[in-house]
């Protein structure tokens, strides 16, 4: 699988079917709906980590596709937090297969399992949408968990350092905090990839 990582570094053309071979076949059916498309991931990574040494957190990282692409194409550190233990295991295994495990780190837990202040950038691919349709509890309980998760993210972002970067794809599920300016937006598949940057001060 090192040839896939090498092709990414060279920016050689590649489709999702080829890249997704790094994951077990039993998980690939999720790709078309739940995973960031490869060309979108490449652009998101470039927006998240334009300079070396950036620490990026993918919130709800799933099998780690965004982090794997970022690690193969940049000199930054890529972290994923995911509440599904099996997906965390798959992500870690894929990182080893691509030989990018030195710059990827996957945490099993919810969004409270990491210290948000440690990161320079965040990726949000509508990370809590699945909460509404699956998981423990009835529909009202899941709806409240969804709202609570979005509010937690919003609160964490209000505490972010100036120049913190956030890239959203299919949104956050709520509004970005007013401390963030929309710097760039581009069409990406059926939606938009948006770059938000935390302004200096509190005005």
Protein backbone atom coordinates (compact mmCIF):
# COMPACT_ATOMS: atom_id res chain seq x y z
CA UNK A 1 0.00 0.00 0.00
CA UNK A 2 3.02 2.29 0.11
CA UNK A 3 2.42 2.89 -3.62
CA UNK A 4 -0.86 4.63 -2.74
CA UNK A 5 0.91 6.95 -0.30
CA UNK A 6 3.61 7.60 -2.88
CA UNK A 7 1.01 8.43 -5.53
CA UNK A 8 -0.68 10.86 -3.15
CA UNK A 9 2.59 12.64 -2.44
CA UNK A 10 3.16 13.02 -6.18
CA UNK A 11 -0.43 14.24 -6.61
CA UNK A 12 -0.95 11.47 -9.15
CA UNK A 13 -4.58 11.00 -10.23
CA UNK A 14 -6.41 8.47 -8.08
CA UNK A 15 -10.05 7.58 -7.50
CA UNK A 16 -11.76 6.63 -4.26
CA UNK A 17 -12.07 2.98 -5.22
CA UNK A 18 -8.30 2.73 -5.46
CA UNK A 19 -7.59 4.63 -2.26
CA UNK A 20 -10.23 2.74 -0.29
CA UNK A 21 -8.30 -0.49 -0.80
CA UNK A 22 -6.34 0.47 2.33
CA UNK A 23 -9.49 -0.37 4.32
CA UNK A 24 -11.06 -3.80 4.87
CA UNK A 25 -13.64 -4.65 2.22
CA UNK A 26 -16.33 -5.00 4.89
CA UNK A 27 -16.12 -1.26 5.59
CA UNK A 28 -15.93 0.12 2.06
CA UNK A 29 -19.70 0.26 1.57
CA UNK A 30 -19.68 3.32 3.86
CA UNK A 31 -17.41 5.26 1.52
CA UNK A 32 -19.97 6.84 -0.81
CA UNK A 33 -22.01 8.37 2.03
CA UNK A 34 -19.89 8.68 5.16
CA UNK A 35 -16.30 9.19 4.01
CA UNK A 36 -14.81 12.37 2.60
CA UNK A 37 -14.25 11.91 -1.15
CA UNK A 38 -10.56 11.78 -2.01
CA UNK A 39 -10.44 14.96 -4.08
CA UNK A 40 -12.31 16.81 -1.31
CA UNK A 41 -9.94 15.41 1.32
CA UNK A 42 -6.93 16.62 -0.66
CA UNK A 43 -8.32 20.16 -0.82
CA UNK A 44 -9.42 20.10 2.83
CA UNK A 45 -5.96 19.03 3.97
CA UNK A 46 -4.33 21.81 1.97
CA UNK A 47 -6.64 24.36 3.60
CA UNK A 48 -6.20 22.92 7.10
CA UNK A 49 -2.42 22.66 7.08
CA UNK A 50 -0.86 25.17 4.67
CA UNK A 51 2.39 25.20 6.65
CA UNK A 52 4.42 22.33 8.20
CA UNK A 53 3.95 21.45 11.83
CA UNK A 54 0.20 22.07 12.03
CA UNK A 55 -1.75 19.88 14.47
CA UNK A 56 -5.12 19.00 12.96
CA UNK A 57 -8.08 17.29 14.66
CA UNK A 58 -10.70 15.47 12.59
CA UNK A 59 -13.85 15.43 14.71
CA UNK A 60 -15.66 12.14 14.16
CA UNK A 61 -12.85 10.72 12.06
CA UNK A 62 -14.43 7.38 11.22
CA UNK A 63 -11.85 5.16 9.53
CA UNK A 64 -9.44 8.08 9.35
CA UNK A 65 -9.50 8.85 5.63
CA UNK A 66 -8.93 12.61 6.02
CA UNK A 67 -6.05 12.06 8.45
CA UNK A 68 -4.42 9.46 6.22
CA UNK A 69 -4.56 11.76 3.20
CA UNK A 70 -3.20 14.65 5.26
CA UNK A 71 -0.35 12.59 6.64
CA UNK A 72 0.63 11.38 3.16
CA UNK A 73 0.61 14.86 1.63
CA UNK A 74 1.94 17.18 4.34
CA UNK A 75 4.49 17.56 7.12
CA UNK A 76 1.84 18.07 9.79
CA UNK A 77 0.32 15.91 12.53
CA UNK A 78 -3.17 14.49 12.04
CA UNK A 79 -5.40 13.39 14.91
CA UNK A 80 -8.81 11.75 14.75
CA UNK A 81 -11.33 11.26 17.54
CA UNK A 82 -13.98 8.62 16.95
CA UNK A 83 -16.46 6.92 19.30
CA UNK A 84 -16.59 3.66 17.32
CA UNK A 85 -13.72 1.48 18.59
CA UNK A 86 -13.71 -0.73 15.48
CA UNK A 87 -13.27 2.28 13.19
CA UNK A 88 -10.39 3.51 15.34
CA UNK A 89 -8.73 0.12 14.96
CA UNK A 90 -9.27 0.18 11.18
CA UNK A 91 -7.81 3.69 10.96
CA UNK A 92 -4.69 2.75 12.92
CA UNK A 93 -4.15 -0.34 10.76
CA UNK A 94 -4.57 1.67 7.55
CA UNK A 95 -2.01 4.21 8.80
CA UNK A 96 0.52 1.43 9.23
CA UNK A 97 -0.24 0.03 5.80
CA UNK A 98 0.33 3.47 4.26
CA UNK A 99 3.42 3.99 6.43
CA UNK A 100 2.04 7.24 7.88
CA UNK A 101 1.49 6.02 11.45
CA UNK A 102 4.28 8.33 12.66
CA UNK A 103 2.14 11.37 11.91
CA UNK A 104 -1.37 10.06 12.59
CA UNK A 105 -3.01 9.46 15.96
CA UNK A 106 -6.48 8.04 16.51
CA UNK A 107 -8.35 8.38 19.81
CA UNK A 108 -11.30 6.23 20.84
CA UNK A 109 -13.85 8.41 22.59
CA UNK A 110 -16.31 11.23 22.17
CA UNK A 111 -15.50 14.89 21.56
CA UNK A 112 -14.64 15.41 25.22
CA UNK A 113 -11.81 12.84 25.01
CA UNK A 114 -9.26 15.31 23.62
CA UNK A 115 -7.89 18.67 24.69
CA UNK A 116 -9.06 21.03 21.97
CA UNK A 117 -6.54 23.69 22.98
CA UNK A 118 -3.71 21.49 21.64
CA UNK A 119 -4.78 21.87 18.00
CA UNK A 120 -4.26 24.52 15.35
CA UNK A 121 -6.99 23.35 12.99
CA UNK A 122 -10.19 21.29 12.95
CA UNK A 123 -12.09 19.36 10.29
CA UNK A 124 -15.86 19.05 10.63
CA UNK A 125 -17.73 16.86 8.14
CA UNK A 126 -21.20 17.30 9.67
CA UNK A 127 -19.84 15.04 12.43
CA UNK A 128 -22.99 14.44 14.47
CA UNK A 129 -25.57 13.67 11.78
CA UNK A 130 -25.53 9.94 12.55
CA UNK A 131 -26.46 10.65 16.17
CA UNK A 132 -29.94 11.60 14.99
CA UNK A 133 -30.61 8.25 13.33
CA UNK A 134 -28.63 5.72 15.36
CA UNK A 135 -27.26 5.07 18.81
CA UNK A 136 -28.83 4.57 22.22
CA UNK A 137 -32.04 6.22 23.32
CA UNK A 138 -35.22 7.34 21.60
CA UNK A 139 -35.49 10.06 18.95
CA UNK A 140 -35.83 12.88 21.48
CA UNK A 141 -32.80 11.68 23.45
CA UNK A 142 -30.72 11.45 20.28
CA UNK A 143 -31.89 14.91 19.20
CA UNK A 144 -30.76 16.38 22.52
CA UNK A 145 -27.40 14.59 22.25
CA UNK A 146 -27.02 16.07 18.76
CA UNK A 147 -27.73 19.59 20.01
CA UNK A 148 -25.43 19.16 23.02
CA UNK A 149 -22.58 17.96 20.77
CA UNK A 150 -22.88 20.96 18.45
CA UNK A 151 -23.00 23.36 21.39
CA UNK A 152 -19.90 21.72 22.87
CA UNK A 153 -17.98 22.24 19.61
CA UNK A 154 -19.17 25.83 19.35
CA UNK A 155 -17.99 26.49 22.91
CA UNK A 156 -14.60 24.92 22.29
CA UNK A 157 -14.12 27.01 19.18
CA UNK A 158 -14.91 30.25 21.01
CA UNK A 159 -11.89 29.43 23.19
CA UNK A 160 -9.59 28.73 20.24
CA UNK A 161 -6.45 30.78 19.67
CA UNK A 162 -6.36 33.47 16.99
CA UNK A 163 -5.62 32.11 13.50
CA UNK A 164 -7.15 28.71 14.34
CA UNK A 165 -8.45 27.20 11.11
CA UNK A 166 -11.67 25.21 10.68
CA UNK A 167 -12.72 23.48 7.49
CA UNK A 168 -16.34 22.38 7.20
CA UNK A 169 -17.85 20.02 4.64
CA UNK A 170 -21.65 19.71 4.76
CA UNK A 171 -21.42 22.08 7.71
CA UNK A 172 -21.17 21.65 11.46
CA UNK A 173 -24.89 21.18 12.09
CA UNK A 174 -25.13 24.65 13.61
CA UNK A 175 -23.68 28.11 13.17
CA UNK A 176 -19.98 28.78 13.38
CA UNK A 177 -19.10 31.04 16.33
CA UNK A 178 -19.03 34.75 15.39
CA UNK A 179 -15.32 34.90 16.25
CA UNK A 180 -14.64 32.98 13.01
CA UNK A 181 -14.58 34.60 9.56
CA UNK A 182 -15.41 32.68 6.40
CA UNK A 183 -12.21 33.11 4.40
CA UNK A 184 -12.83 30.77 1.49
CA UNK A 185 -15.63 28.64 0.05
CA UNK A 186 -15.52 26.35 -2.97
CA UNK A 187 -17.86 23.85 -4.55
CA UNK A 188 -17.07 20.28 -3.50
CA UNK A 189 -19.15 17.49 -4.96
CA UNK A 190 -22.77 18.29 -4.02
CA UNK A 191 -21.89 20.82 -1.30
CA UNK A 192 -19.17 23.31 -0.35
CA UNK A 193 -15.83 23.16 1.41
CA UNK A 194 -15.49 26.18 3.68
CA UNK A 195 -12.45 27.59 5.45
CA UNK A 196 -13.05 29.58 8.63
CA UNK A 197 -10.30 31.40 10.53
CA UNK A 198 -10.46 32.70 14.09
CA UNK A 199 -9.81 36.43 14.07
CA UNK A 200 -7.53 38.16 16.55
CA UNK A 201 -9.15 39.75 19.59
CA UNK A 202 -12.82 39.52 20.47
CA UNK A 203 -14.38 42.12 18.20
